[in-house]
C-alpha atoms as a PDB file:
ATOM      1  CA  MET A   1       9.131 -26.025  25.367  1.00  0.00           C
ATOM      2  CA  ASN A   2      11.403 -25.813  22.370  1.00  0.00           C
ATOM      3  CA  PRO A   3      12.772 -22.427  21.264  1.00  0.00           C
ATOM      4  CA  LEU A   4      10.926 -22.445  17.938  1.00  0.00           C
ATOM      5  CA  ARG A   5       7.538 -22.765  19.607  1.00  0.00           C
ATOM      6  CA  LEU A   6       8.507 -20.167  22.215  1.00  0.00           C
ATOM      7  CA  GLY A   7       9.543 -17.738  19.456  1.00  0.00           C
ATOM      8  CA  ARG A   8       6.260 -18.198  17.627  1.00  0.00           C
ATOM      9  CA  TRP A   9       4.295 -17.552  20.806  1.00  0.00           C
ATOM     10  CA  MET A  10       6.384 -14.462  21.507  1.00  0.00           C
ATOM     11  CA  VAL A  11       5.499 -13.070  18.067  1.00  0.00           C
ATOM     12  CA  VAL A  12       1.790 -13.677  18.661  1.00  0.00           C
ATOM     13  CA  ILE A  13       1.819 -12.237  22.192  1.00  0.00           C
ATOM     14  CA  GLY A  14       3.885  -9.218  21.107  1.00  0.00           C
ATOM     15  CA  GLY A  15       1.533  -8.503  18.240  1.00  0.00           C
ATOM     16  CA  ALA A  16      -1.493  -8.787  20.523  1.00  0.00           C
ATOM     17  CA  LEU A  17       0.057  -6.446  23.111  1.00  0.00           C
ATOM     18  CA  THR A  18       0.934  -3.902  20.450  1.00  0.00           C
ATOM     19  CA  LEU A  19      -2.503  -4.038  18.865  1.00  0.00           C
ATOM     20  CA  ALA A  20      -4.333  -3.867  22.191  1.00  0.00           C
ATOM     21  CA  GLY A  21      -2.176  -1.027  23.469  1.00  0.00           C
ATOM     22  CA  LEU A  22      -2.654   1.086  20.372  1.00  0.00           C
ATOM     23  CA  VAL A  23      -6.346   0.437  19.801  1.00  0.00           C
ATOM     24  CA  ILE A  24      -7.494   0.732  23.424  1.00  0.00           C
ATOM     25  CA  GLY A  25      -5.041   3.544  24.176  1.00  0.00           C
ATOM     26  CA  PHE A  26      -6.220   5.727  21.303  1.00  0.00           C
ATOM     27  CA  ALA A  27      -9.846   4.816  21.980  1.00  0.00           C
ATOM     28  CA  SER A  28      -9.546   5.884  25.630  1.00  0.00           C
ATOM     29  CA  MET A  29      -8.319   9.345  24.672  1.00  0.00           C
ATOM     30  CA  GLY A  30     -11.934  10.449  24.594  1.00  0.00           C
ATOM     31  CA  SER A  31     -12.380   9.603  28.275  1.00  0.00           C
ATOM     32  CA  GLY A  32      -9.599  11.942  29.388  1.00  0.00           C
ATOM     33  CA  GLN A  33      -7.888   9.572  31.822  1.00  0.00           C
ATOM     34  CA  ARG A  34      -4.278  10.543  31.244  1.00  0.00           C
ATOM     35  CA  SER A  35      -2.665   7.780  33.315  1.00  0.00           C
ATOM     36  CA  ARG A  36      -4.698   5.059  31.597  1.00  0.00           C
ATOM     37  CA  ILE A  37      -3.838   6.421  28.156  1.00  0.00           C
ATOM     38  CA  LEU A  38      -0.107   6.495  28.892  1.00  0.00           C
ATOM     39  CA  ASN A  39      -0.124   3.003  30.385  1.00  0.00           C
ATOM     40  CA  LEU A  40      -1.965   1.517  27.431  1.00  0.00           C
ATOM     41  CA  LEU A  41       0.125   3.325  24.829  1.00  0.00           C
ATOM     42  CA  GLY A  42       3.210   2.164  26.734  1.00  0.00           C
ATOM     43  CA  LEU A  43       2.271  -1.418  25.878  1.00  0.00           C
ATOM     44  CA  ALA A  44       3.009  -0.782  22.199  1.00  0.00           C
ATOM     45  CA  PRO A  45       6.833  -0.553  22.473  1.00  0.00           C
ATOM     46  CA  VAL A  46       6.899  -3.524  24.855  1.00  0.00           C
ATOM     47  CA  GLY A  47       4.822  -5.553  22.408  1.00  0.00           C
ATOM     48  CA  VAL A  48       7.064  -4.606  19.498  1.00  0.00           C
ATOM     49  CA  LEU A  49      10.141  -5.616  21.492  1.00  0.00           C
ATOM     50  CA  ILE A  50       8.635  -8.995  22.424  1.00  0.00           C
ATOM     51  CA  ALA A  51       7.547  -9.630  18.814  1.00  0.00           C
ATOM     52  CA  PHE A  52      11.006  -8.692  17.521  1.00  0.00           C
ATOM     53  CA  CYS A  53      12.722 -11.028  19.994  1.00  0.00           C
ATOM     54  CA  GLY A  54      10.326 -13.790  18.971  1.00  0.00           C
ATOM     55  CA  THR A  55      11.081 -13.188  15.302  1.00  0.00           C
ATOM     56  CA  ILE A  56      14.823 -13.420  15.942  1.00  0.00           C
ATOM     57  CA  LEU A  57      14.312 -16.628  17.920  1.00  0.00           C
ATOM     58  CA  VAL A  58      12.253 -18.179  15.118  1.00  0.00           C
ATOM     59  CA  VAL A  59      14.795 -17.244  12.457  1.00  0.00           C
ATOM     60  CA  LEU A  60      17.708 -18.636  14.458  1.00  0.00           C
ATOM     61  CA  THR A  61      16.050 -21.910  15.487  1.00  0.00           C
ATOM     62  CA  GLU A  62      13.920 -22.951  12.520  1.00  0.00           C
ATOM     63  CA  PRO A  63      15.121 -26.151  10.841  1.00  0.00           C
ATOM     64  CA  ARG A  64      17.092 -25.766   7.661  1.00  0.00           C
ATOM     65  CA  GLY A  65      17.121 -28.151   4.715  1.00  0.00           C
ATOM     66  CA  ALA A  66      20.215 -30.102   3.689  1.00  0.00           C
ATOM     67  CA  THR A  67      20.375 -28.293   0.355  1.00  0.00           C
ATOM     68  CA  PRO A  68      19.982 -24.554  -0.068  1.00  0.00           C
ATOM     69  CA  PRO A  69      16.957 -23.351  -2.017  1.00  0.00           C
ATOM     70  CA  ALA A  70      17.471 -23.409  -5.768  1.00  0.00           C
ATOM     71  CA  GLU A  71      17.443 -20.253  -7.812  1.00  0.00           C
ATOM     72  CA  PRO A  72      14.405 -19.868 -10.052  1.00  0.00           C
ATOM     73  CA  ASP A  73      14.777 -20.586 -13.746  1.00  0.00           C
ATOM     74  CA  PRO A  74      15.226 -17.436 -15.799  1.00  0.00           C
ATOM     75  CA  THR A  75      12.144 -16.549 -17.754  1.00  0.00           C
ATOM     76  CA  SER A  76      12.558 -15.805 -21.412  1.00  0.00           C
ATOM     77  CA  ASP A  77      11.489 -12.346 -22.470  1.00  0.00           C
ATOM     78  CA  SER A  78      10.080 -11.932 -25.937  1.00  0.00           C
ATOM     79  CA  ASP A  79      12.096  -8.715 -26.341  1.00  0.00           C
ATOM     80  CA  SER A  80      15.448 -10.301 -25.634  1.00  0.00           C
ATOM     81  CA  ASP A  81      17.511 -12.351 -28.022  1.00  0.00           C
ATOM     82  CA  PRO A  82      16.820 -16.091 -27.927  1.00  0.00           C
ATOM     83  CA  PRO A  83      19.604 -18.190 -26.432  1.00  0.00           C
ATOM     84  CA  GLU A  84      21.995 -19.722 -28.892  1.00  0.00           C
ATOM     85  CA  PRO A  85      21.626 -23.455 -29.392  1.00  0.00           C
ATOM     86  CA  LYS A  86      24.353 -25.641 -27.971  1.00  0.00           C
ATOM     87  CA  PRO A  87      26.312 -27.656 -30.543  1.00  0.00           C
END
């Protein structure tokens, strides 16, 4: 498995762990099971860490183009002075 695909999967899995831990952990607060609540809410930092590592892996391994991206053309504002014509 190449690192780019692994990084993308890590982002997805980390996001799912974080979402599941927070949603189910806060939802189970009504049941009063303290150990279950702490275990589920403990998934959130683990999920964030996995998603962050996946993001770093994607940024470092994604293919780059041969030329850097071009800067956008400046837009002309009606309030500013028009550019002087070139002789």
